């Protein structure tokens, strides 16, 4: 696993962690990491077509109840777009 991919997962996990509505910190961290790995897989997968950042954001909301703030949305979009460039 490349350091770029690890950084992408870590950064997405940090964003998702801040937005999760759970109180249990350990559970919150586990869920954020799992979501980040799934999102990073979609971003870096060569077998799927390119998924726009807004669609990934919608999946966060629909599948995981994660609603991004404006600041985190901008960071998330940049991570997604930059993650694709580094493949």
N, C-alpha and C. Protein backbone atom coordinates (compact mmCIF):
# COMPACT_ATOMS: atom_id res chain seq x y z
N UNK A 1 0.86 -1.17 0.00
CA UNK A 1 0.00 0.00 0.00
C UNK A 1 0.91 1.23 0.00
N UNK A 2 0.66 2.13 -0.89
CA UNK A 2 1.52 3.31 -0.99
C UNK A 2 1.23 4.30 0.13
N UNK A 3 2.21 5.15 0.39
CA UNK A 3 2.02 6.17 1.44
C UNK A 3 0.95 7.17 1.04
N UNK A 4 0.79 7.41 -0.27
CA UNK A 4 -0.27 8.32 -0.73
C UNK A 4 -1.65 7.76 -0.38
N UNK A 5 -1.83 6.46 -0.57
CA UNK A 5 -3.10 5.83 -0.27
C UNK A 5 -3.37 5.84 1.23
N UNK A 6 -2.35 5.56 2.02
CA UNK A 6 -2.49 5.58 3.48
C UNK A 6 -2.86 6.99 3.93
N UNK A 7 -2.22 7.99 3.37
CA UNK A 7 -2.54 9.38 3.71
C UNK A 7 -3.96 9.74 3.32
N UNK A 8 -4.39 9.27 2.15
CA UNK A 8 -5.76 9.53 1.70
C UNK A 8 -6.77 8.92 2.67
N UNK A 9 -6.54 7.67 3.06
CA UNK A 9 -7.44 7.00 3.99
C UNK A 9 -7.46 7.73 5.33
N UNK A 10 -6.29 8.10 5.83
CA UNK A 10 -6.21 8.80 7.12
C UNK A 10 -6.97 10.12 7.08
N UNK A 11 -6.76 10.88 6.02
CA UNK A 11 -7.41 12.20 5.91
C UNK A 11 -8.93 12.08 5.77
N UNK A 12 -9.38 11.11 4.99
CA UNK A 12 -10.83 10.91 4.85
C UNK A 12 -11.41 10.45 6.19
N UNK A 13 -10.69 9.55 6.88
CA UNK A 13 -11.16 9.08 8.19
C UNK A 13 -11.28 10.23 9.18
N UNK A 14 -10.32 11.14 9.14
CA UNK A 14 -10.37 12.31 10.04
C UNK A 14 -11.62 13.16 9.77
N UNK A 15 -11.93 13.37 8.50
CA UNK A 15 -13.11 14.17 8.13
C UNK A 15 -14.38 13.46 8.58
N UNK A 16 -14.48 12.19 8.25
CA UNK A 16 -15.69 11.43 8.59
C UNK A 16 -15.86 11.34 10.10
N UNK A 17 -14.77 11.14 10.83
CA UNK A 17 -14.81 11.04 12.29
C UNK A 17 -15.45 12.29 12.90
N UNK A 18 -15.07 13.45 12.40
CA UNK A 18 -15.60 14.71 12.93
C UNK A 18 -17.10 14.85 12.69
N UNK A 19 -17.59 14.21 11.63
CA UNK A 19 -18.99 14.39 11.23
C UNK A 19 -19.92 13.27 11.71
N UNK A 20 -19.37 12.19 12.23
CA UNK A 20 -20.22 11.09 12.68
C UNK A 20 -21.02 11.48 13.93
N UNK A 21 -22.28 11.08 13.99
CA UNK A 21 -23.13 11.48 15.11
C UNK A 21 -23.02 10.58 16.35
N UNK A 22 -22.10 9.64 16.38
CA UNK A 22 -21.99 8.70 17.50
C UNK A 22 -21.26 9.31 18.69
N UNK A 23 -21.60 8.85 19.89
CA UNK A 23 -20.96 9.32 21.12
C UNK A 23 -19.78 8.45 21.52
N UNK A 24 -19.86 7.14 21.25
CA UNK A 24 -18.81 6.19 21.62
C UNK A 24 -17.59 6.43 20.73
N UNK A 25 -16.53 6.97 21.32
CA UNK A 25 -15.33 7.37 20.56
C UNK A 25 -14.66 6.19 19.84
N UNK A 26 -14.57 5.04 20.51
CA UNK A 26 -13.93 3.88 19.90
C UNK A 26 -14.72 3.41 18.69
N UNK A 27 -16.01 3.29 18.86
CA UNK A 27 -16.89 2.86 17.75
C UNK A 27 -16.84 3.88 16.62
N UNK A 28 -16.83 5.14 16.97
CA UNK A 28 -16.78 6.22 16.00
C UNK A 28 -15.51 6.12 15.15
N UNK A 29 -14.38 5.84 15.80
CA UNK A 29 -13.11 5.72 15.08
C UNK A 29 -13.13 4.52 14.14
N UNK A 30 -13.67 3.39 14.60
CA UNK A 30 -13.75 2.19 13.76
C UNK A 30 -14.60 2.43 12.53
N UNK A 31 -15.75 3.06 12.73
CA UNK A 31 -16.66 3.34 11.62
C UNK A 31 -16.02 4.31 10.64
N UNK A 32 -15.38 5.35 11.14
CA UNK A 32 -14.72 6.34 10.27
C UNK A 32 -13.63 5.68 9.43
N UNK A 33 -12.86 4.79 10.02
CA UNK A 33 -11.81 4.11 9.27
C UNK A 33 -12.39 3.19 8.20
N UNK A 34 -13.45 2.47 8.54
CA UNK A 34 -14.08 1.57 7.57
C UNK A 34 -14.65 2.36 6.39
N UNK A 35 -15.32 3.46 6.68
CA UNK A 35 -15.88 4.30 5.62
C UNK A 35 -14.76 4.87 4.76
N UNK A 36 -13.68 5.33 5.38
CA UNK A 36 -12.56 5.91 4.64
C UNK A 36 -11.94 4.90 3.70
N UNK A 37 -11.81 3.66 4.14
CA UNK A 37 -11.24 2.62 3.27
C UNK A 37 -12.16 2.37 2.08
N UNK A 38 -13.46 2.33 2.31
CA UNK A 38 -14.41 2.12 1.22
C UNK A 38 -14.38 3.27 0.22
N UNK A 39 -14.32 4.50 0.72
CA UNK A 39 -14.27 5.66 -0.16
C UNK A 39 -12.95 5.68 -0.94
N UNK A 40 -11.84 5.44 -0.25
CA UNK A 40 -10.53 5.42 -0.92
C UNK A 40 -10.48 4.35 -1.99
N UNK A 41 -11.11 3.21 -1.73
CA UNK A 41 -11.17 2.15 -2.74
C UNK A 41 -11.90 2.62 -3.99
N UNK A 42 -12.99 3.35 -3.79
CA UNK A 42 -13.75 3.88 -4.92
C UNK A 42 -12.95 4.95 -5.67
N UNK A 43 -12.20 5.75 -4.93
CA UNK A 43 -11.40 6.82 -5.55
C UNK A 43 -10.26 6.23 -6.37
N UNK A 44 -9.61 5.22 -5.84
CA UNK A 44 -8.38 4.70 -6.46
C UNK A 44 -8.60 3.48 -7.35
N UNK A 45 -9.80 2.95 -7.38
CA UNK A 45 -10.07 1.76 -8.18
C UNK A 45 -9.91 2.05 -9.66
N UNK A 46 -9.17 1.17 -10.32
CA UNK A 46 -8.98 1.32 -11.76
C UNK A 46 -10.07 0.58 -12.53
N UNK A 47 -10.86 -0.24 -11.85
CA UNK A 47 -11.88 -1.03 -12.54
C UNK A 47 -13.22 -0.32 -12.63
N UNK A 48 -13.43 0.69 -11.80
CA UNK A 48 -14.70 1.42 -11.86
C UNK A 48 -14.50 2.74 -12.59
N UNK A 49 -15.60 3.26 -13.10
CA UNK A 49 -15.52 4.57 -13.74
C UNK A 49 -15.31 5.64 -12.67
N UNK A 50 -14.89 6.80 -13.10
CA UNK A 50 -14.62 7.89 -12.16
C UNK A 50 -15.92 8.35 -11.52
N UNK A 51 -15.94 8.34 -10.20
CA UNK A 51 -17.11 8.79 -9.44
C UNK A 51 -16.84 10.22 -8.99
N UNK A 52 -17.69 11.15 -9.36
CA UNK A 52 -17.47 12.55 -8.97
C UNK A 52 -17.53 12.72 -7.45
N UNK A 53 -16.78 13.68 -6.92
CA UNK A 53 -16.78 13.91 -5.47
C UNK A 53 -18.16 14.13 -4.88
N UNK A 54 -19.04 14.84 -5.60
CA UNK A 54 -20.37 15.11 -5.06
C UNK A 54 -21.17 13.81 -4.91
N UNK A 55 -20.92 12.83 -5.78
CA UNK A 55 -21.61 11.55 -5.67
C UNK A 55 -21.09 10.76 -4.47
N UNK A 56 -19.78 10.83 -4.22
CA UNK A 56 -19.22 10.19 -3.03
C UNK A 56 -19.76 10.84 -1.76
N UNK A 57 -19.91 12.17 -1.80
CA UNK A 57 -20.49 12.88 -0.66
C UNK A 57 -21.93 12.43 -0.43
N UNK A 58 -22.69 12.25 -1.50
CA UNK A 58 -24.06 11.77 -1.38
C UNK A 58 -24.11 10.38 -0.77
N UNK A 59 -23.17 9.52 -1.17
CA UNK A 59 -23.10 8.18 -0.59
C UNK A 59 -22.81 8.25 0.90
N UNK A 60 -21.95 9.18 1.31
CA UNK A 60 -21.68 9.34 2.74
C UNK A 60 -22.97 9.64 3.49
N UNK A 61 -23.77 10.51 2.90
CA UNK A 61 -25.02 10.92 3.55
C UNK A 61 -26.04 9.77 3.53
N UNK A 62 -26.24 9.17 2.38
CA UNK A 62 -27.28 8.15 2.24
C UNK A 62 -26.94 6.84 2.93
N UNK A 63 -25.69 6.42 2.85
CA UNK A 63 -25.31 5.12 3.40
C UNK A 63 -24.89 5.18 4.88
N UNK A 64 -24.31 6.32 5.30
CA UNK A 64 -23.71 6.36 6.62
C UNK A 64 -24.22 7.49 7.52
N UNK A 65 -25.15 8.29 7.03
CA UNK A 65 -25.67 9.43 7.80
C UNK A 65 -24.58 10.45 8.15
N UNK A 66 -23.64 10.63 7.25
CA UNK A 66 -22.56 11.59 7.46
C UNK A 66 -22.82 12.79 6.57
N UNK A 67 -23.09 13.93 7.20
CA UNK A 67 -23.34 15.17 6.48
C UNK A 67 -22.14 16.08 6.70
N UNK A 68 -21.45 16.42 5.62
CA UNK A 68 -20.22 17.22 5.72
C UNK A 68 -20.53 18.70 5.86
N UNK A 69 -19.76 19.37 6.70
CA UNK A 69 -19.84 20.83 6.78
C UNK A 69 -19.19 21.41 5.53
N UNK A 70 -19.41 22.67 5.29
CA UNK A 70 -18.82 23.30 4.10
C UNK A 70 -17.30 23.18 4.09
N UNK A 71 -16.68 23.43 5.23
CA UNK A 71 -15.21 23.35 5.31
C UNK A 71 -14.73 21.93 5.02
N UNK A 72 -15.36 20.94 5.64
CA UNK A 72 -14.96 19.55 5.41
C UNK A 72 -15.30 19.08 4.01
N UNK A 73 -16.35 19.62 3.42
CA UNK A 73 -16.71 19.27 2.05
C UNK A 73 -15.59 19.70 1.09
N UNK A 74 -15.09 20.90 1.26
CA UNK A 74 -14.01 21.38 0.40
C UNK A 74 -12.76 20.52 0.54
N UNK A 75 -12.41 20.17 1.78
CA UNK A 75 -11.25 19.32 2.02
C UNK A 75 -11.47 17.94 1.41
N UNK A 76 -12.66 17.39 1.59
CA UNK A 76 -13.00 16.07 1.05
C UNK A 76 -12.88 16.07 -0.47
N UNK A 77 -13.46 17.07 -1.13
CA UNK A 77 -13.39 17.15 -2.59
C UNK A 77 -11.93 17.22 -3.07
N UNK A 78 -11.13 18.04 -2.39
CA UNK A 78 -9.72 18.14 -2.77
C UNK A 78 -9.00 16.81 -2.59
N UNK A 79 -9.27 16.12 -1.49
CA UNK A 79 -8.65 14.81 -1.26
C UNK A 79 -9.02 13.82 -2.34
N UNK A 80 -10.29 13.79 -2.69
CA UNK A 80 -10.77 12.87 -3.73
C UNK A 80 -10.11 13.17 -5.06
N UNK A 81 -10.11 14.43 -5.44
CA UNK A 81 -9.53 14.81 -6.73
C UNK A 81 -8.03 14.59 -6.77
N UNK A 82 -7.33 14.92 -5.69
CA UNK A 82 -5.89 14.71 -5.64
C UNK A 82 -5.54 13.24 -5.52
N UNK A 83 -6.36 12.47 -4.86
CA UNK A 83 -6.14 11.03 -4.73
C UNK A 83 -6.19 10.35 -6.08
N UNK A 84 -7.03 10.84 -6.97
CA UNK A 84 -7.13 10.26 -8.31
C UNK A 84 -5.89 10.59 -9.14
N UNK A 85 -5.35 11.77 -8.95
CA UNK A 85 -4.19 12.20 -9.74
C UNK A 85 -2.94 11.40 -9.40
N UNK A 86 -2.86 10.87 -8.16
CA UNK A 86 -1.66 10.20 -7.70
C UNK A 86 -1.64 8.71 -7.98
N UNK A 87 -2.66 8.19 -8.65
CA UNK A 87 -2.71 6.75 -8.92
C UNK A 87 -1.54 6.31 -9.74
